[in-house]
Amino acid sequence: MLMVWLVGMQASAQFEKLETGARKALAKDKPYRALTLTERALTRKGAPVIFHVIRAEAYNRIGKYRQAMDELRKADAQKATAEYRTNLMGSYTGLGQLDSAEALITPAIAADVSEEYLYRAGRVLALRGEWPRALEHFNAGVERGPGSARMVRERGACHAMLGDSAQARQDLDKAISLAPRDAAGYNSRGYYRYMVFGEYRKAIADMDRAIKQDPNYGFAFSNRGWCHFQLGDTAKARRDLALAVRKNPTNAYAYRSLGIIDKASGDGARACANLRKALELGFTGTYGNEVEELVRQDCASPALAPAPTPTPVEAPPAPPPSNAPDQPAKPRTNAP
């Protein structure tokens, strides 16, 4: 009996060590390391189900939302926990199921919610165009972790969409100073500080920086391509958008932009093909009905129902209709 007890204690200690290591890896934004450690745990007999929840978090971090959902299905015993629900929210968001994601957001921000919950809830609300509520969550997140570049970055986006260009600039610049090698910081600043207000050349400079940090960052290619189109360089626009969909084949907004460029170039057949592809990739569920309206208007066969397939969520939401930085934005649901 003593031997059995000792073996059990040793196994428990090993699982605790692996769990601590996986959580530390996620805290350092090393999701692949977390996946390795959780896989190591789950290959052992008697592994606690919490490893499936941690593994779901790692998959959410790298954009593999269906795999994250699969891990959560294996952890039913954890479904009442805040950590499980936060990861479920992330998976729903990544899959474009924003109604389901928003249903997991509590009416009021509790004092004991995690930083990850605040970030994910804020992102869902931002994608829904609920900028004041999103700002509340990011404010709480920045208060909880003032050194969190992603919280500061997303708060800056909210300020931009609510018309506070000065605060937006301050936050977006600070986010980059906190994480100078984070491609998302440059992409967000390029969009919210410059693209929102029609300063496309300055936006391109930030997208260039984002791509330099991460040559596989498809959303920066997508945004840069749209900037080139707005500046009249259709060839560069097409080249960037083609790279965007090659690097991220589920980028619904890149297909939307290609469709609009094709339409402007007089290629109706290709325009409709790209617009329908955007719908198939779940454009409407995340960004609104812009593409549906274009298809109804310009394409003979509607085929409007978007398929329930994964949709990325990194692209920032839509600009305000005015380019004047001192005018508040009117929230929209369409995004680049």
C-alpha atoms as a PDB file:
ATOM      1  CA  MET A   1       0.000   0.000   0.000  1.00  0.00           C
ATOM      2  CA  LEU A   2       2.834   2.372   0.834  1.00  0.00           C
ATOM      3  CA  MET A   3       4.384   1.773  -2.575  1.00  0.00           C
ATOM      4  CA  VAL A   4       1.101   2.514  -4.343  1.00  0.00           C
ATOM      5  CA  TRP A   5       0.745   5.699  -2.328  1.00  0.00           C
ATOM      6  CA  LEU A   6       4.279   6.796  -3.177  1.00  0.00           C
ATOM      7  CA  VAL A   7       3.751   6.127  -6.879  1.00  0.00           C
ATOM      8  CA  GLY A   8       0.519   8.141  -6.786  1.00  0.00           C
ATOM      9  CA  MET A   9       2.227  11.050  -5.047  1.00  0.00           C
ATOM     10  CA  GLN A  10       5.034  11.000  -7.607  1.00  0.00           C
ATOM     11  CA  ALA A  11       2.546  11.049 -10.499  1.00  0.00           C
ATOM     12  CA  SER A  12       0.643  13.913  -8.883  1.00  0.00           C
ATOM     13  CA  ALA A  13       3.847  15.916  -8.489  1.00  0.00           C
ATOM     14  CA  GLN A  14       4.727  15.327 -12.134  1.00  0.00           C
ATOM     15  CA  PHE A  15       1.303  16.522 -13.295  1.00  0.00           C
ATOM     16  CA  GLU A  16       1.583  19.632 -11.105  1.00  0.00           C
ATOM     17  CA  LYS A  17       4.994  20.392 -12.608  1.00  0.00           C
ATOM     18  CA  LEU A  18       3.691  19.997 -16.160  1.00  0.00           C
ATOM     19  CA  GLU A  19       0.644  22.151 -15.431  1.00  0.00           C
ATOM     20  CA  THR A  20       2.803  24.890 -13.925  1.00  0.00           C
ATOM     21  CA  GLY A  21       5.129  24.751 -16.908  1.00  0.00           C
ATOM     22  CA  ALA A  22       2.288  24.927 -19.428  1.00  0.00           C
ATOM     23  CA  ARG A  23       0.708  27.901 -17.676  1.00  0.00           C
ATOM     24  CA  LYS A  24       4.046  29.709 -17.524  1.00  0.00           C
ATOM     25  CA  ALA A  25       4.500  29.069 -21.247  1.00  0.00           C
ATOM     26  CA  LEU A  26       1.135  30.666 -21.979  1.00  0.00           C
ATOM     27  CA  ALA A  27       1.960  33.609 -19.709  1.00  0.00           C
ATOM     28  CA  LYS A  28       5.090  34.145 -21.828  1.00  0.00           C
ATOM     29  CA  ASP A  29       2.989  33.799 -25.016  1.00  0.00           C
ATOM     30  CA  LYS A  30       4.609  30.496 -25.982  1.00  0.00           C
ATOM     31  CA  PRO A  31       1.558  28.415 -26.966  1.00  0.00           C
ATOM     32  CA  TYR A  32       3.549  25.765 -28.829  1.00  0.00           C
ATOM     33  CA  ARG A  33       5.559  25.067 -25.692  1.00  0.00           C
ATOM     34  CA  ALA A  34       2.281  24.755 -23.771  1.00  0.00           C
ATOM     35  CA  LEU A  35       1.009  22.266 -26.361  1.00  0.00           C
ATOM     36  CA  THR A  36       4.139  20.162 -25.950  1.00  0.00           C
ATOM     37  CA  LEU A  37       3.811  20.065 -22.169  1.00  0.00           C
ATOM     38  CA  THR A  38       0.096  19.283 -22.191  1.00  0.00           C
ATOM     39  CA  GLU A  39       0.618  16.525 -24.739  1.00  0.00           C
ATOM     40  CA  ARG A  40       3.291  15.073 -22.498  1.00  0.00           C
ATOM     41  CA  ALA A  41       0.827  15.052 -19.604  1.00  0.00           C
ATOM     42  CA  LEU A  42      -2.085  13.615 -21.563  1.00  0.00           C
ATOM     43  CA  THR A  43      -0.071  10.635 -22.778  1.00  0.00           C
ATOM     44  CA  ARG A  44       0.207   9.518 -19.137  1.00  0.00           C
ATOM     45  CA  LYS A  45      -2.402   7.505 -17.316  1.00  0.00           C
ATOM     46  CA  GLY A  46      -4.692   9.461 -15.023  1.00  0.00           C
ATOM     47  CA  ALA A  47      -3.960  12.904 -16.460  1.00  0.00           C
ATOM     48  CA  PRO A  48      -6.364  15.537 -15.020  1.00  0.00           C
ATOM     49  CA  VAL A  49      -8.850  17.008 -17.503  1.00  0.00           C
ATOM     50  CA  ILE A  50      -7.518  20.507 -16.809  1.00  0.00           C
ATOM     51  CA  PHE A  51      -4.817  19.739 -19.362  1.00  0.00           C
ATOM     52  CA  HIS A  52      -7.479  19.725 -22.083  1.00  0.00           C
ATOM     53  CA  VAL A  53      -8.574  23.217 -21.012  1.00  0.00           C
ATOM     54  CA  ILE A  54      -4.994  24.498 -21.021  1.00  0.00           C
ATOM     55  CA  ARG A  55      -4.468  22.860 -24.395  1.00  0.00           C
ATOM     56  CA  ALA A  56      -7.586  24.620 -25.697  1.00  0.00           C
ATOM     57  CA  GLU A  57      -6.085  27.931 -24.625  1.00  0.00           C
ATOM     58  CA  ALA A  58      -2.893  27.163 -26.542  1.00  0.00           C
ATOM     59  CA  TYR A  59      -4.867  26.271 -29.680  1.00  0.00           C
ATOM     60  CA  ASN A  60      -6.917  29.463 -29.377  1.00  0.00           C
ATOM     61  CA  ARG A  61      -3.700  31.457 -29.194  1.00  0.00           C
ATOM     62  CA  ILE A  62      -2.462  30.079 -32.530  1.00  0.00           C
ATOM     63  CA  GLY A  63      -5.811  30.342 -34.301  1.00  0.00           C
ATOM     64  CA  LYS A  64      -6.708  26.645 -34.331  1.00  0.00           C
ATOM     65  CA  TYR A  65     -10.200  27.151 -32.998  1.00  0.00           C
ATOM     66  CA  ARG A  66     -11.722  23.825 -33.990  1.00  0.00           C
ATOM     67  CA  GLN A  67      -8.922  21.953 -32.248  1.00  0.00           C
ATOM     68  CA  ALA A  68      -9.508  24.146 -29.196  1.00  0.00           C
ATOM     69  CA  MET A  69     -13.205  23.260 -29.252  1.00  0.00           C
ATOM     70  CA  ASP A  70     -12.347  19.565 -29.528  1.00  0.00           C
ATOM     71  CA  GLU A  71     -10.177  19.831 -26.406  1.00  0.00           C
ATOM     72  CA  LEU A  72     -12.966  21.559 -24.491  1.00  0.00           C
ATOM     73  CA  ARG A  73     -15.393  18.769 -25.396  1.00  0.00           C
ATOM     74  CA  LYS A  74     -13.029  16.393 -23.588  1.00  0.00           C
ATOM     75  CA  ALA A  75     -13.203  18.498 -20.442  1.00  0.00           C
ATOM     76  CA  ASP A  76     -16.919  18.499 -19.592  1.00  0.00           C
ATOM     77  CA  ALA A  77     -16.071  18.253 -15.901  1.00  0.00           C
ATOM     78  CA  GLN A  78     -14.599  21.756 -16.136  1.00  0.00           C
ATOM     79  CA  LYS A  79     -17.435  23.434 -18.024  1.00  0.00           C
ATOM     80  CA  ALA A  80     -18.724  25.340 -14.990  1.00  0.00           C
ATOM     81  CA  THR A  81     -15.344  26.987 -14.395  1.00  0.00           C
ATOM     82  CA  ALA A  82     -14.459  30.496 -15.517  1.00  0.00           C
ATOM     83  CA  GLU A  83     -11.348  29.219 -17.317  1.00  0.00           C
ATOM     84  CA  TYR A  84     -13.379  26.796 -19.411  1.00  0.00           C
ATOM     85  CA  ARG A  85     -15.956  29.461 -20.321  1.00  0.00           C
ATOM     86  CA  THR A  86     -13.255  31.967 -21.227  1.00  0.00           C
ATOM     87  CA  ASN A  87     -11.648  29.489 -23.603  1.00  0.00           C
ATOM     88  CA  LEU A  88     -15.031  28.555 -25.032  1.00  0.00           C
ATOM     89  CA  MET A  89     -15.610  32.232 -25.733  1.00  0.00           C
ATOM     90  CA  GLY A  90     -12.300  32.348 -27.590  1.00  0.00           C
ATOM     91  CA  SER A  91     -13.187  29.334 -29.711  1.00  0.00           C
ATOM     92  CA  TYR A  92     -16.637  30.672 -30.576  1.00  0.00           C
ATOM     93  CA  THR A  93     -15.110  34.009 -31.544  1.00  0.00           C
ATOM     94  CA  GLY A  94     -12.521  32.405 -33.783  1.00  0.00           C
ATOM     95  CA  LEU A  95     -15.205  30.324 -35.483  1.00  0.00           C
ATOM     96  CA  GLY A  96     -17.318  33.412 -36.167  1.00  0.00           C
ATOM     97  CA  GLN A  97     -20.081  32.350 -33.754  1.00  0.00           C
ATOM     98  CA  LEU A  98     -20.283  35.738 -32.090  1.00  0.00           C
ATOM     99  CA  ASP A  99     -23.792  35.278 -30.683  1.00  0.00           C
ATOM    100  CA  SER A 100     -22.599  32.258 -28.719  1.00  0.00           C
ATOM    101  CA  ALA A 101     -19.436  34.073 -27.641  1.00  0.00           C
ATOM    102  CA  GLU A 102     -21.340  37.137 -26.438  1.00  0.00           C
ATOM    103  CA  ALA A 103     -23.731  34.951 -24.435  1.00  0.00           C
ATOM    104  CA  LEU A 104     -20.775  34.015 -22.226  1.00  0.00           C
ATOM    105  CA  ILE A 105     -20.130  37.641 -21.240  1.00  0.00           C
ATOM    106  CA  THR A 106     -21.548  38.565 -17.854  1.00  0.00           C
ATOM    107  CA  PRO A 107     -23.695  41.756 -17.617  1.00  0.00           C
ATOM    108  CA  ALA A 108     -21.273  43.350 -15.146  1.00  0.00           C
ATOM    109  CA  ILE A 109     -17.511  42.995 -14.806  1.00  0.00           C
ATOM    110  CA  ALA A 110     -16.824  40.984 -11.664  1.00  0.00           C
ATOM    111  CA  ALA A 111     -13.844  41.902  -9.514  1.00  0.00           C
ATOM    112  CA  ASP A 112     -12.324  38.423  -9.728  1.00  0.00           C
ATOM    113  CA  VAL A 113     -12.462  37.813 -13.483  1.00  0.00           C
ATOM    114  CA  SER A 114      -9.208  36.901 -15.198  1.00  0.00           C
ATOM    115  CA  GLU A 115      -7.226  39.125 -17.508  1.00  0.00           C
ATOM    116  CA  GLU A 116      -7.834  36.598 -20.294  1.00  0.00           C
ATOM    117  CA  TYR A 117     -11.606  36.900 -19.801  1.00  0.00           C
ATOM    118  CA  LEU A 118     -11.419  40.699 -19.999  1.00  0.00           C
ATOM    119  CA  TYR A 119      -9.426  40.508 -23.222  1.00  0.00           C
ATOM    120  CA  ARG A 120     -11.681  37.959 -24.908  1.00  0.00           C
ATOM    121  CA  ALA A 121     -14.897  39.661 -23.817  1.00  0.00           C
ATOM    122  CA  GLY A 122     -13.571  43.005 -25.020  1.00  0.00           C
ATOM    123  CA  ARG A 123     -12.675  41.510 -28.399  1.00  0.00           C
ATOM    124  CA  VAL A 124     -16.144  40.017 -28.828  1.00  0.00           C
ATOM    125  CA  LEU A 125     -17.815  43.319 -27.979  1.00  0.00           C
ATOM    126  CA  ALA A 126     -15.497  45.189 -30.337  1.00  0.00           C
ATOM    127  CA  LEU A 127     -16.341  42.811 -33.173  1.00  0.00           C
ATOM    128  CA  ARG A 128     -20.014  43.449 -32.416  1.00  0.00           C
ATOM    129  CA  GLY A 129     -19.423  47.188 -32.654  1.00  0.00           C
ATOM    130  CA  GLU A 130     -20.267  47.685 -28.973  1.00  0.00           C
ATOM    131  CA  TRP A 131     -17.378  50.067 -28.447  1.00  0.00           C
ATOM    132  CA  PRO A 132     -18.312  51.601 -25.053  1.00  0.00           C
ATOM    133  CA  ARG A 133     -18.744  48.164 -23.455  1.00  0.00           C
ATOM    134  CA  ALA A 134     -15.572  46.903 -25.094  1.00  0.00           C
ATOM    135  CA  LEU A 135     -13.718  49.918 -23.736  1.00  0.00           C
ATOM    136  CA  GLU A 136     -14.935  49.134 -20.214  1.00  0.00           C
ATOM    137  CA  HIS A 137     -13.408  45.655 -20.452  1.00  0.00           C
ATOM    138  CA  PHE A 138     -10.107  46.874 -21.858  1.00  0.00           C
ATOM    139  CA  ASN A 139      -9.907  49.630 -19.244  1.00  0.00           C
ATOM    140  CA  ALA A 140     -10.351  46.964 -16.569  1.00  0.00           C
ATOM    141  CA  GLY A 141      -7.729  44.835 -18.303  1.00  0.00           C
ATOM    142  CA  VAL A 142      -5.187  47.654 -18.431  1.00  0.00           C
ATOM    143  CA  GLU A 143      -5.831  48.387 -14.762  1.00  0.00           C
ATOM    144  CA  ARG A 144      -5.245  44.719 -13.993  1.00  0.00           C
ATOM    145  CA  GLY A 145      -2.124  44.493 -16.158  1.00  0.00           C
ATOM    146  CA  PRO A 146      -0.727  47.907 -17.183  1.00  0.00           C
ATOM    147  CA  GLY A 147       2.127  46.227 -19.022  1.00  0.00           C
ATOM    148  CA  SER A 148      -0.140  44.192 -21.297  1.00  0.00           C
ATOM    149  CA  ALA A 149       0.541  45.389 -24.835  1.00  0.00           C
ATOM    150  CA  ARG A 150      -2.525  43.674 -26.264  1.00  0.00           C
ATOM    151  CA  MET A 151      -4.862  45.303 -23.721  1.00  0.00           C
ATOM    152  CA  VAL A 152      -3.423  48.746 -24.386  1.00  0.00           C
ATOM    153  CA  ARG A 153      -3.576  48.106 -28.136  1.00  0.00           C
ATOM    154  CA  GLU A 154      -7.225  47.067 -28.086  1.00  0.00           C
ATOM    155  CA  ARG A 155      -8.124  49.982 -25.823  1.00  0.00           C
ATOM    156  CA  GLY A 156      -6.526  52.281 -28.361  1.00  0.00           C
ATOM    157  CA  ALA A 157      -8.693  50.749 -31.075  1.00  0.00           C
ATOM    158  CA  CYS A 158     -11.807  51.440 -29.012  1.00  0.00           C
ATOM    159  CA  HIS A 159     -10.772  55.052 -28.472  1.00  0.00           C
ATOM    160  CA  ALA A 160     -10.281  55.442 -32.227  1.00  0.00           C
ATOM    161  CA  MET A 161     -13.699  54.025 -33.006  1.00  0.00           C
ATOM    162  CA  LEU A 162     -15.278  56.286 -30.393  1.00  0.00           C
ATOM    163  CA  GLY A 163     -13.644  59.339 -31.947  1.00  0.00           C
ATOM    164  CA  ASP A 164     -10.934  60.002 -29.341  1.00  0.00           C
ATOM    165  CA  SER A 165      -8.003  60.177 -31.744  1.00  0.00           C
ATOM    166  CA  ALA A 166      -5.586  61.652 -29.170  1.00  0.00           C
ATOM    167  CA  GLN A 167      -6.105  58.825 -26.679  1.00  0.00           C
ATOM    168  CA  ALA A 168      -6.033  56.298 -29.514  1.00  0.00           C
ATOM    169  CA  ARG A 169      -2.628  57.547 -30.664  1.00  0.00           C
ATOM    170  CA  GLN A 170      -1.293  57.464 -27.117  1.00  0.00           C
ATOM    171  CA  ASP A 171      -2.414  53.879 -26.526  1.00  0.00           C
ATOM    172  CA  LEU A 172      -1.356  52.557 -29.931  1.00  0.00           C
ATOM    173  CA  ASP A 173       2.115  54.082 -29.603  1.00  0.00           C
ATOM    174  CA  LYS A 174       2.414  52.746 -26.066  1.00  0.00           C
ATOM    175  CA  ALA A 175       1.413  49.246 -27.175  1.00  0.00           C
ATOM    176  CA  ILE A 176       4.311  49.227 -29.618  1.00  0.00           C
ATOM    177  CA  SER A 177       6.730  50.508 -26.981  1.00  0.00           C
ATOM    178  CA  LEU A 178       5.593  47.671 -24.693  1.00  0.00           C
ATOM    179  CA  ALA A 179       6.019  45.032 -27.413  1.00  0.00           C
ATOM    180  CA  PRO A 180       8.219  46.404 -30.216  1.00  0.00           C
ATOM    181  CA  ARG A 181       8.455  43.008 -31.918  1.00  0.00           C
ATOM    182  CA  ASP A 182       4.720  42.334 -31.956  1.00  0.00           C
ATOM    183  CA  ALA A 183       3.415  42.503 -35.522  1.00  0.00           C
ATOM    184  CA  ALA A 184      -0.150  43.009 -34.287  1.00  0.00           C
ATOM    185  CA  GLY A 185       0.848  46.290 -32.664  1.00  0.00           C
ATOM    186  CA  TYR A 186       2.035  47.801 -35.944  1.00  0.00           C
ATOM    187  CA  ASN A 187      -0.954  46.396 -37.829  1.00  0.00           C
ATOM    188  CA  SER A 188      -3.389  47.899 -35.329  1.00  0.00           C
ATOM    189  CA  ARG A 189      -1.650  51.265 -35.248  1.00  0.00           C
ATOM    190  CA  GLY A 190      -1.514  51.359 -39.027  1.00  0.00           C
ATOM    191  CA  TYR A 191      -5.227  50.690 -39.178  1.00  0.00           C
ATOM    192  CA  TYR A 192      -6.645  52.675 -36.262  1.00  0.00           C
ATOM    193  CA  ARG A 193      -4.229  55.595 -36.262  1.00  0.00           C
ATOM    194  CA  TYR A 194      -3.938  56.018 -40.018  1.00  0.00           C
ATOM    195  CA  MET A 195      -6.296  53.929 -42.192  1.00  0.00           C
ATOM    196  CA  VAL A 196      -9.316  55.004 -40.161  1.00  0.00           C
ATOM    197  CA  PHE A 197      -8.585  58.587 -41.123  1.00  0.00           C
ATOM    198  CA  GLY A 198      -7.554  57.977 -44.733  1.00  0.00           C
ATOM    199  CA  GLU A 199      -3.796  58.349 -44.169  1.00  0.00           C
ATOM    200  CA  TYR A 200      -2.969  55.364 -46.333  1.00  0.00           C
ATOM    201  CA  ARG A 201       0.719  56.015 -46.955  1.00  0.00           C
ATOM    202  CA  LYS A 202       1.429  56.236 -43.230  1.00  0.00           C
ATOM    203  CA  ALA A 203      -0.653  53.099 -42.726  1.00  0.00           C
ATOM    204  CA  ILE A 204       1.439  51.261 -45.305  1.00  0.00           C
ATOM    205  CA  ALA A 205       4.603  52.161 -43.382  1.00  0.00           C
ATOM    206  CA  ASP A 206       3.203  50.460 -40.269  1.00  0.00           C
ATOM    207  CA  MET A 207       1.985  47.450 -42.250  1.00  0.00           C
ATOM    208  CA  ASP A 208       5.522  47.164 -43.652  1.00  0.00           C
ATOM    209  CA  ARG A 209       6.823  47.043 -40.081  1.00  0.00           C
ATOM    210  CA  ALA A 210       4.245  44.411 -39.154  1.00  0.00           C
ATOM    211  CA  ILE A 211       5.244  42.227 -42.086  1.00  0.00           C
ATOM    212  CA  LYS A 212       8.933  42.665 -41.240  1.00  0.00           C
ATOM    213  CA  GLN A 213       8.216  41.335 -37.739  1.00  0.00           C
ATOM    214  CA  ASP A 214       6.053  38.479 -39.055  1.00  0.00           C
ATOM    215  CA  PRO A 215       6.326  37.691 -42.791  1.00  0.00           C
ATOM    216  CA  ASN A 216       3.366  35.303 -42.435  1.00  0.00           C
ATOM    217  CA  TYR A 217       1.015  37.884 -40.934  1.00  0.00           C
ATOM    218  CA  GLY A 218      -1.751  37.674 -43.521  1.00  0.00           C
ATOM    219  CA  PHE A 219      -3.908  40.425 -42.043  1.00  0.00           C
ATOM    220  CA  ALA A 220      -1.140  43.007 -42.478  1.00  0.00           C
ATOM    221  CA  PHE A 221      -0.890  42.003 -46.150  1.00  0.00           C
ATOM    222  CA  SER A 222      -4.660  42.331 -46.429  1.00  0.00           C
ATOM    223  CA  ASN A 223      -4.714  45.816 -44.914  1.00  0.00           C
ATOM    224  CA  ARG A 224      -1.701  46.964 -46.914  1.00  0.00           C
ATOM    225  CA  GLY A 225      -3.333  45.730 -50.084  1.00  0.00           C
ATOM    226  CA  TRP A 226      -6.465  47.763 -49.372  1.00  0.00           C
ATOM    227  CA  CYS A 227      -4.286  50.839 -48.759  1.00  0.00           C
ATOM    228  CA  HIS A 228      -2.587  50.369 -52.129  1.00  0.00           C
ATOM    229  CA  PHE A 229      -6.002  50.129 -53.794  1.00  0.00           C
ATOM    230  CA  GLN A 230      -7.148  53.334 -52.112  1.00  0.00           C
ATOM    231  CA  LEU A 231      -3.994  55.024 -53.429  1.00  0.00           C
ATOM    232  CA  GLY A 232      -4.735  53.805 -56.965  1.00  0.00           C
ATOM    233  CA  ASP A 233      -2.113  51.062 -57.254  1.00  0.00           C
ATOM    234  CA  THR A 234      -4.278  48.083 -58.192  1.00  0.00           C
ATOM    235  CA  ALA A 235      -1.319  45.853 -59.115  1.00  0.00           C
ATOM    236  CA  LYS A 236       0.259  46.151 -55.658  1.00  0.00           C
ATOM    237  CA  ALA A 237      -3.158  45.750 -54.076  1.00  0.00           C
ATOM    238  CA  ARG A 238      -3.796  42.471 -55.876  1.00  0.00           C
ATOM    239  CA  ARG A 239      -0.320  41.189 -55.051  1.00  0.00           C
ATOM    240  CA  ASP A 240      -0.730  41.869 -51.336  1.00  0.00           C
ATOM    241  CA  LEU A 241      -4.237  40.437 -51.183  1.00  0.00           C
ATOM    242  CA  ALA A 242      -3.132  37.301 -53.020  1.00  0.00           C
ATOM    243  CA  LEU A 243      -0.412  36.878 -50.389  1.00  0.00           C
ATOM    244  CA  ALA A 244      -2.969  37.496 -47.650  1.00  0.00           C
ATOM    245  CA  VAL A 245      -5.199  34.624 -48.752  1.00  0.00           C
ATOM    246  CA  ARG A 246      -2.214  32.364 -49.400  1.00  0.00           C
ATOM    247  CA  LYS A 247      -0.967  32.896 -45.864  1.00  0.00           C
ATOM    248  CA  ASN A 248      -4.438  32.728 -44.339  1.00  0.00           C
ATOM    249  CA  PRO A 249      -6.904  30.940 -46.660  1.00  0.00           C
ATOM    250  CA  THR A 250      -9.838  31.673 -44.320  1.00  0.00           C
ATOM    251  CA  ASN A 251      -9.401  35.457 -44.441  1.00  0.00           C
ATOM    252  CA  ALA A 252     -12.914  36.418 -45.494  1.00  0.00           C
ATOM    253  CA  TYR A 253     -12.107  40.111 -45.619  1.00  0.00           C
ATOM    254  CA  ALA A 254      -9.265  39.645 -48.089  1.00  0.00           C
ATOM    255  CA  TYR A 255     -11.709  37.941 -50.465  1.00  0.00           C
ATOM    256  CA  ARG A 256     -14.149  40.809 -49.911  1.00  0.00           C
ATOM    257  CA  SER A 257     -11.443  43.305 -50.895  1.00  0.00           C
ATOM    258  CA  LEU A 258     -10.442  41.275 -53.946  1.00  0.00           C
ATOM    259  CA  GLY A 259     -14.084  41.183 -55.009  1.00  0.00           C
ATOM    260  CA  ILE A 260     -14.406  44.955 -54.758  1.00  0.00           C
ATOM    261  CA  ILE A 261     -11.194  45.460 -56.756  1.00  0.00           C
ATOM    262  CA  ASP A 262     -12.397  43.013 -59.420  1.00  0.00           C
ATOM    263  CA  LYS A 263     -15.694  44.879 -59.625  1.00  0.00           C
ATOM    264  CA  ALA A 264     -13.883  48.219 -60.016  1.00  0.00           C
ATOM    265  CA  SER A 265     -11.732  46.648 -62.741  1.00  0.00           C
ATOM    266  CA  GLY A 266     -14.794  45.448 -64.657  1.00  0.00           C
ATOM    267  CA  ASP A 267     -14.306  41.729 -64.041  1.00  0.00           C
ATOM    268  CA  GLY A 268     -17.792  40.890 -62.766  1.00  0.00           C
ATOM    269  CA  ALA A 269     -17.415  37.110 -62.850  1.00  0.00           C
ATOM    270  CA  ARG A 270     -14.273  37.098 -60.762  1.00  0.00           C
ATOM    271  CA  ALA A 271     -15.719  39.752 -58.464  1.00  0.00           C
ATOM    272  CA  CYS A 272     -18.743  37.586 -57.706  1.00  0.00           C
ATOM    273  CA  ALA A 273     -16.594  34.502 -57.181  1.00  0.00           C
ATOM    274  CA  ASN A 274     -14.475  36.301 -54.584  1.00  0.00           C
ATOM    275  CA  LEU A 275     -17.475  37.883 -52.872  1.00  0.00           C
ATOM    276  CA  ARG A 276     -19.213  34.515 -52.597  1.00  0.00           C
ATOM    277  CA  LYS A 277     -15.993  33.046 -51.205  1.00  0.00           C
ATOM    278  CA  ALA A 278     -16.055  35.724 -48.507  1.00  0.00           C
ATOM    279  CA  LEU A 279     -19.595  34.653 -47.613  1.00  0.00           C
ATOM    280  CA  GLU A 280     -18.631  30.980 -47.511  1.00  0.00           C
ATOM    281  CA  LEU A 281     -15.889  31.880 -45.032  1.00  0.00           C
ATOM    282  CA  GLY A 282     -18.372  33.479 -42.654  1.00  0.00           C
ATOM    283  CA  PHE A 283     -17.982  37.155 -43.514  1.00  0.00           C
ATOM    284  CA  THR A 284     -21.500  38.081 -42.437  1.00  0.00           C
ATOM    285  CA  GLY A 285     -21.306  36.528 -38.995  1.00  0.00           C
ATOM    286  CA  THR A 286     -18.246  38.547 -38.057  1.00  0.00           C
ATOM    287  CA  TYR A 287     -18.293  41.675 -40.165  1.00  0.00           C
ATOM    288  CA  GLY A 288     -21.867  42.423 -41.222  1.00  0.00           C
ATOM    289  CA  ASN A 289     -23.926  42.373 -44.389  1.00  0.00           C
ATOM    290  CA  GLU A 290     -21.770  44.450 -46.759  1.00  0.00           C
ATOM    291  CA  VAL A 291     -20.844  41.497 -48.969  1.00  0.00           C
ATOM    292  CA  GLU A 292     -24.385  40.117 -49.016  1.00  0.00           C
ATOM    293  CA  GLU A 293     -25.588  43.470 -50.322  1.00  0.00           C
ATOM    294  CA  LEU A 294     -22.896  43.531 -53.001  1.00  0.00           C
ATOM    295  CA  VAL A 295     -23.819  40.028 -54.142  1.00  0.00           C
ATOM    296  CA  ARG A 296     -27.512  40.885 -54.257  1.00  0.00           C
ATOM    297  CA  GLN A 297     -26.760  43.987 -56.257  1.00  0.00           C
ATOM    298  CA  ASP A 298     -24.212  42.676 -58.725  1.00  0.00           C
ATOM    299  CA  CYS A 299     -24.328  38.887 -58.917  1.00  0.00           C
ATOM    300  CA  ALA A 300     -27.084  37.002 -60.724  1.00  0.00           C
ATOM    301  CA  SER A 301     -27.247  33.967 -58.416  1.00  0.00           C
ATOM    302  CA  PRO A 302     -27.594  35.051 -54.782  1.00  0.00           C
ATOM    303  CA  ALA A 303     -26.442  31.958 -52.840  1.00  0.00           C
ATOM    304  CA  LEU A 304     -26.202  34.196 -49.846  1.00  0.00           C
ATOM    305  CA  ALA A 305     -26.201  31.839 -46.868  1.00  0.00           C
ATOM    306  CA  PRO A 306     -22.661  31.740 -45.448  1.00  0.00           C
ATOM    307  CA  ALA A 307     -21.379  28.328 -44.416  1.00  0.00           C
ATOM    308  CA  PRO A 308     -20.492  27.770 -40.737  1.00  0.00           C
ATOM    309  CA  THR A 309     -16.758  27.539 -41.361  1.00  0.00           C
ATOM    310  CA  PRO A 310     -13.892  29.051 -39.347  1.00  0.00           C
ATOM    311  CA  THR A 311     -13.385  32.775 -39.706  1.00  0.00           C
ATOM    312  CA  PRO A 312     -10.285  34.597 -38.433  1.00  0.00           C
ATOM    313  CA  VAL A 313     -10.789  37.480 -36.058  1.00  0.00           C
ATOM    314  CA  GLU A 314      -7.518  39.346 -36.106  1.00  0.00           C
ATOM    315  CA  ALA A 315      -8.623  41.944 -38.617  1.00  0.00           C
ATOM    316  CA  PRO A 316      -9.692  45.203 -36.946  1.00  0.00           C
ATOM    317  CA  PRO A 317     -13.294  46.413 -37.166  1.00  0.00           C
ATOM    318  CA  ALA A 318     -14.511  49.065 -39.548  1.00  0.00           C
ATOM    319  CA  PRO A 319     -13.427  52.693 -39.755  1.00  0.00           C
ATOM    320  CA  PRO A 320     -15.748  55.551 -38.897  1.00  0.00           C
ATOM    321  CA  PRO A 321     -17.485  57.013 -41.953  1.00  0.00           C
ATOM    322  CA  SER A 322     -15.725  60.363 -41.543  1.00  0.00           C
ATOM    323  CA  ASN A 323     -11.984  60.898 -41.961  1.00  0.00           C
ATOM    324  CA  ALA A 324     -11.980  63.824 -39.544  1.00  0.00           C
ATOM    325  CA  PRO A 325     -10.141  62.777 -36.380  1.00  0.00           C
ATOM    326  CA  ASP A 326     -12.180  65.068 -34.162  1.00  0.00           C
ATOM    327  CA  GLN A 327     -15.529  63.520 -35.085  1.00  0.00           C
ATOM    328  CA  PRO A 328     -16.823  60.505 -33.149  1.00  0.00           C
ATOM    329  CA  ALA A 329     -17.215  57.290 -35.080  1.00  0.00           C
ATOM    330  CA  LYS A 330     -20.553  55.749 -35.844  1.00  0.00           C
ATOM    331  CA  PRO A 331     -20.130  52.039 -35.052  1.00  0.00           C
ATOM    332  CA  ARG A 332     -20.444  49.646 -37.980  1.00  0.00           C
ATOM    333  CA  THR A 333     -20.042  45.908 -38.182  1.00  0.00           C
ATOM    334  CA  ASN A 334     -17.976  45.670 -41.377  1.00  0.00           C
ATOM    335  CA  ALA A 335     -14.197  45.318 -41.116  1.00  0.00           C
ATOM    336  CA  PRO A 336     -11.091  44.951 -43.254  1.00  0.00           C
END
